C-alpha atoms as a PDB file:
ATOM      1  CA  MET A   1     -17.577 -10.856  -8.308  1.00  0.00           C
ATOM      2  CA  LEU A   2     -18.187  -7.103  -8.166  1.00  0.00           C
ATOM      3  CA  SER A   3     -19.135  -7.361  -4.507  1.00  0.00           C
ATOM      4  CA  THR A   4     -15.841  -9.118  -3.722  1.00  0.00           C
ATOM      5  CA  LEU A   5     -13.864  -6.516  -5.657  1.00  0.00           C
ATOM      6  CA  LEU A   6     -15.591  -3.655  -3.840  1.00  0.00           C
ATOM      7  CA  THR A   7     -15.019  -5.372  -0.493  1.00  0.00           C
ATOM      8  CA  ALA A   8     -11.313  -5.738  -1.271  1.00  0.00           C
ATOM      9  CA  LEU A   9     -11.128  -2.082  -2.323  1.00  0.00           C
ATOM     10  CA  ALA A  10     -12.895  -1.023   0.874  1.00  0.00           C
ATOM     11  CA  ILE A  11     -10.452  -3.018   3.013  1.00  0.00           C
ATOM     12  CA  ALA A  12      -7.484  -1.535   1.140  1.00  0.00           C
ATOM     13  CA  LEU A  13      -8.811   1.996   1.714  1.00  0.00           C
ATOM     14  CA  ILE A  14      -9.379   1.292   5.405  1.00  0.00           C
ATOM     15  CA  ILE A  15      -5.837  -0.028   5.799  1.00  0.00           C
ATOM     16  CA  GLU A  16      -4.412   2.920   3.860  1.00  0.00           C
ATOM     17  CA  GLY A  17      -6.312   5.383   6.018  1.00  0.00           C
ATOM     18  CA  VAL A  18      -5.483   3.977   9.464  1.00  0.00           C
ATOM     19  CA  ILE A  19      -1.884   5.186   9.703  1.00  0.00           C
ATOM     20  CA  PRO A  20      -2.416   8.819   8.615  1.00  0.00           C
ATOM     21  CA  ALA A  21      -5.507   9.005  10.832  1.00  0.00           C
ATOM     22  CA  LEU A  22      -3.757   7.689  13.949  1.00  0.00           C
ATOM     23  CA  PHE A  23      -0.235   9.038  13.411  1.00  0.00           C
ATOM     24  CA  PRO A  24      -0.395  12.067  11.065  1.00  0.00           C
ATOM     25  CA  ASN A  25       2.992  13.525  12.053  1.00  0.00           C
ATOM     26  CA  LYS A  26       4.864  10.241  11.593  1.00  0.00           C
ATOM     27  CA  TRP A  27       3.039   9.619   8.329  1.00  0.00           C
ATOM     28  CA  ARG A  28       4.020  13.075   7.033  1.00  0.00           C
ATOM     29  CA  ALA A  29       7.663  12.490   7.996  1.00  0.00           C
ATOM     30  CA  TYR A  30       7.584   9.143   6.182  1.00  0.00           C
ATOM     31  CA  VAL A  31       6.081  10.698   3.040  1.00  0.00           C
ATOM     32  CA  LEU A  32       8.694  13.458   3.064  1.00  0.00           C
ATOM     33  CA  LYS A  33      11.462  10.873   3.453  1.00  0.00           C
ATOM     34  CA  LEU A  34       9.978   8.833   0.622  1.00  0.00           C
ATOM     35  CA  ALA A  35       9.840  11.926  -1.607  1.00  0.00           C
ATOM     36  CA  ASN A  36      13.617  12.286  -1.208  1.00  0.00           C
ATOM     37  CA  GLU A  37      14.345   8.684  -2.216  1.00  0.00           C
ATOM     38  CA  PRO A  38      15.717   7.943  -5.691  1.00  0.00           C
ATOM     39  CA  VAL A  39      13.141   6.914  -8.293  1.00  0.00           C
ATOM     40  CA  ASN A  40      14.724   3.473  -8.695  1.00  0.00           C
ATOM     41  CA  THR A  41      14.329   2.744  -4.984  1.00  0.00           C
ATOM     42  CA  ILE A  42      10.653   3.717  -5.073  1.00  0.00           C
ATOM     43  CA  ARG A  43      10.162   1.572  -8.174  1.00  0.00           C
ATOM     44  CA  GLN A  44      11.826  -1.427  -6.499  1.00  0.00           C
ATOM     45  CA  ILE A  45       9.603  -1.039  -3.436  1.00  0.00           C
ATOM     46  CA  GLY A  46       6.518  -0.826  -5.661  1.00  0.00           C
ATOM     47  CA  LEU A  47       7.503  -3.898  -7.663  1.00  0.00           C
ATOM     48  CA  PHE A  48       8.223  -5.836  -4.459  1.00  0.00           C
ATOM     49  CA  LEU A  49       4.800  -4.957  -3.041  1.00  0.00           C
ATOM     50  CA  LEU A  50       3.182  -5.845  -6.364  1.00  0.00           C
ATOM     51  CA  LEU A  51       4.909  -9.228  -6.353  1.00  0.00           C
ATOM     52  CA  ILE A  52       3.828  -9.930  -2.764  1.00  0.00           C
ATOM     53  CA  GLY A  53       0.247  -8.989  -3.699  1.00  0.00           C
ATOM     54  CA  ILE A  54       0.264 -11.270  -6.742  1.00  0.00           C
ATOM     55  CA  ILE A  55       1.676 -14.179  -4.733  1.00  0.00           C
ATOM     56  CA  LEU A  56      -0.888 -13.637  -1.976  1.00  0.00           C
ATOM     57  CA  PHE A  57      -3.712 -13.368  -4.496  1.00  0.00           C
ATOM     58  CA  TRP A  58      -2.530 -16.526  -6.261  1.00  0.00           C
ATOM     59  CA  THR A  59      -2.293 -18.504  -3.015  1.00  0.00           C
ATOM     60  CA  VAL A  60      -5.725 -17.431  -1.781  1.00  0.00           C
ATOM     61  CA  ASN A  61      -7.420 -18.293  -5.060  1.00  0.00           C
END
């Protein structure tokens, strides 16, 4: 169980690191644009991603 959790965390970190490593200028522009978005929009995006993750997790298991 712990091994699976650490593997999933490692994959998430790899995916999160690919874009800033390959395209740092575009990533910075995206982060700056995101910082100017209203809080409700950021919250909606986060909840949408959370829901997709839960659905994916539920379907895989």
